[in-house]
Protein backbone atom coordinates (compact mmCIF):
# COMPACT_ATOMS: atom_id res chain seq x y z
CA MET A 1 78.38 4.93 -68.31
CA ILE A 2 79.42 7.25 -65.79
CA ILE A 3 82.79 7.88 -65.27
CA SER A 4 82.80 10.48 -61.84
CA ASN A 5 86.42 9.41 -60.12
CA PHE A 6 88.51 9.48 -63.16
CA SER A 7 88.58 13.01 -65.09
CA PHE A 8 90.78 13.21 -68.11
CA ASN A 9 93.49 15.26 -66.27
CA GLU A 10 94.17 12.74 -64.35
CA LEU A 11 95.04 10.23 -66.69
CA MET A 12 97.03 12.86 -68.35
CA LYS A 13 99.66 14.35 -65.60
CA THR A 14 102.37 13.94 -65.97
CA ASP A 15 105.60 15.71 -64.12
CA THR A 16 108.06 16.07 -67.32
CA GLY A 17 106.85 19.50 -68.68
CA LEU A 18 106.18 18.12 -71.52
CA ASP A 19 102.45 18.40 -73.65
CA ASN A 20 100.91 15.22 -72.92
CA ILE A 21 97.37 15.75 -74.28
CA PRO A 22 96.39 12.99 -77.26
CA ASN A 23 95.52 14.44 -80.49
CA ASP A 24 93.95 10.77 -81.54
CA MET A 25 90.69 9.95 -81.49
CA ASN A 26 91.56 5.90 -80.93
CA VAL A 27 93.55 7.36 -78.35
CA LEU A 28 90.74 9.35 -76.39
CA SER A 29 88.69 6.24 -77.00
CA ASN A 30 91.06 3.90 -75.21
CA LEU A 31 91.45 6.53 -72.31
CA CYS A 32 87.40 6.13 -71.73
CA ARG A 33 87.69 2.16 -72.12
CA LEU A 34 90.64 2.89 -69.49
CA ALA A 35 88.99 5.06 -66.78
CA SER A 36 85.32 3.22 -67.34
CA PHE A 37 87.64 -0.29 -66.07
CA LEU A 38 89.26 1.92 -63.32
CA GLN A 39 86.00 2.83 -62.05
CA THR A 40 84.33 -0.60 -62.43
CA ILE A 41 87.25 -1.35 -59.95
CA ARG A 42 87.27 1.61 -57.80
CA ASN A 43 83.36 0.70 -57.29
CA GLU A 44 84.35 -2.53 -55.87
CA LEU A 45 87.18 -2.02 -53.95
CA HIS A 46 85.21 0.91 -51.83
CA LEU A 47 88.50 2.84 -51.92
CA PRO A 48 89.86 6.11 -54.06
CA ILE A 49 92.44 4.60 -56.29
CA ILE A 50 95.20 7.13 -57.24
CA VAL A 51 96.36 6.96 -60.96
CA ASN A 52 100.00 7.91 -61.20
CA SER A 53 100.56 7.51 -64.46
CA ALA A 54 98.16 6.58 -67.60
CA TYR A 55 98.60 8.20 -70.93
CA ARG A 56 101.87 9.27 -72.11
CA SER A 57 102.69 10.49 -75.31
CA PRO A 58 105.38 8.89 -77.22
CA GLU A 59 108.04 11.87 -75.68
CA VAL A 60 106.78 11.69 -72.35
CA ASN A 61 107.14 8.06 -72.29
CA ALA A 62 110.75 8.42 -73.80
CA LYS A 63 111.50 10.99 -71.06
CA VAL A 64 110.06 8.60 -68.86
CA GLY A 65 112.48 5.65 -69.63
CA GLY A 66 108.80 3.96 -71.39
CA VAL A 67 109.21 0.90 -74.16
CA SER A 68 108.39 1.59 -77.25
CA SER A 69 105.22 -0.51 -77.79
CA SER A 70 104.04 0.93 -74.10
CA TYR A 71 100.21 0.67 -74.16
CA HIS A 72 100.54 3.68 -72.01
CA VAL A 73 101.41 5.55 -75.35
CA LYS A 74 97.94 4.36 -76.77
CA GLY A 75 95.54 4.91 -73.74
CA LEU A 76 95.46 1.43 -72.85
CA ALA A 77 97.31 1.54 -69.39
CA ALA A 78 97.35 2.92 -65.92
CA ASP A 79 99.77 2.42 -62.89
CA ILE A 80 97.75 2.91 -59.87
CA ARG A 81 97.63 2.46 -56.18
CA CYS A 82 95.74 2.79 -53.10
CA SER A 83 95.74 2.71 -49.04
CA ASP A 84 94.93 -0.79 -49.43
CA MET A 85 97.37 -2.87 -51.92
CA ASP A 86 96.37 -6.34 -50.64
CA LYS A 87 92.38 -5.95 -51.33
CA LEU A 88 93.24 -4.25 -54.85
CA LEU A 89 95.13 -7.09 -55.94
CA THR A 90 92.32 -9.25 -55.14
CA ILE A 91 89.81 -7.21 -56.90
CA LEU A 92 92.31 -6.93 -60.09
CA HIS A 93 93.04 -11.15 -60.18
CA SER A 94 89.26 -11.34 -60.15
CA HIS A 95 88.89 -9.15 -63.34
CA LEU A 96 91.87 -10.76 -65.28
CA MET A 97 90.10 -12.43 -68.00
CA GLU A 98 89.66 -8.33 -68.43
CA ILE A 99 93.09 -7.50 -68.52
CA ASP A 100 96.00 -7.69 -71.22
CA GLN A 101 98.34 -7.11 -68.63
CA LEU A 102 99.29 -7.02 -64.33
CA GLY A 103 102.26 -6.07 -63.24
CA ILE A 104 102.88 -6.23 -59.72
CA TYR A 105 105.75 -3.38 -58.53
CA PHE A 106 107.42 -3.74 -55.17
CA ASN A 107 110.99 -3.16 -53.23
CA SER A 108 111.57 -5.35 -50.61
CA ASN A 109 108.15 -6.40 -49.89
CA THR A 110 105.82 -3.16 -50.41
CA GLN A 111 103.88 -3.23 -53.27
CA LEU A 112 104.71 -0.16 -54.66
CA PHE A 113 101.81 -0.01 -57.50
CA TYR A 114 100.02 -2.13 -60.44
CA HIS A 115 100.21 -1.86 -63.91
CA ILE A 116 97.25 -2.24 -65.14
CA GLY A 117 97.06 -2.92 -69.21
CA LEU A 118 94.03 -4.04 -71.31
CA ALA A 119 94.19 -5.18 -74.91
CA GLU A 120 93.76 -3.43 -78.23
CA ASP A 121 89.51 -3.03 -79.52
CA GLY A 122 88.72 -6.34 -80.79
CA ALA A 123 91.56 -8.04 -79.59
CA LEU A 124 91.50 -10.59 -76.40
CA PRO A 125 93.50 -10.30 -73.27
CA ARG A 126 96.55 -12.08 -72.72
CA ASN A 127 96.27 -12.11 -69.06
CA GLN A 128 100.11 -11.71 -68.46
CA ILE A 129 100.68 -11.46 -64.74
CA PHE A 130 104.45 -9.96 -64.01
CA THR A 131 106.01 -8.81 -60.76
CA LYS A 132 109.10 -6.10 -61.33
CA GLU A 133 111.34 -4.95 -58.48
CA VAL A 134 112.01 -1.90 -58.27
């Protein structure tokens, strides 16, 4: 498995000033799965994907207002965007059976980013889709 377009630094970045380095091997394993999934999407998209947020330590998650059950804390979620949001959404829909949650965040008529959540290892994806105006 080659993950050439996504680094751990990119998946752990935060603007909060708080430590955001996971110390749990399960989280690191989940981040590898997440990066692999994102790479699959990027390979089909043929465009760069920008990761707004992926892993969040519990402290970072609390500071940004995330729910305590957030899959970001488990390394299983990413908020992403790209220059062609419609094409990205089409590709994500084609992979819906692999996705636990697909959130579409928007304001007015503009798609801002997509929240992608993967199921925990061994669990079946719930294939949930939701929209949220921000």
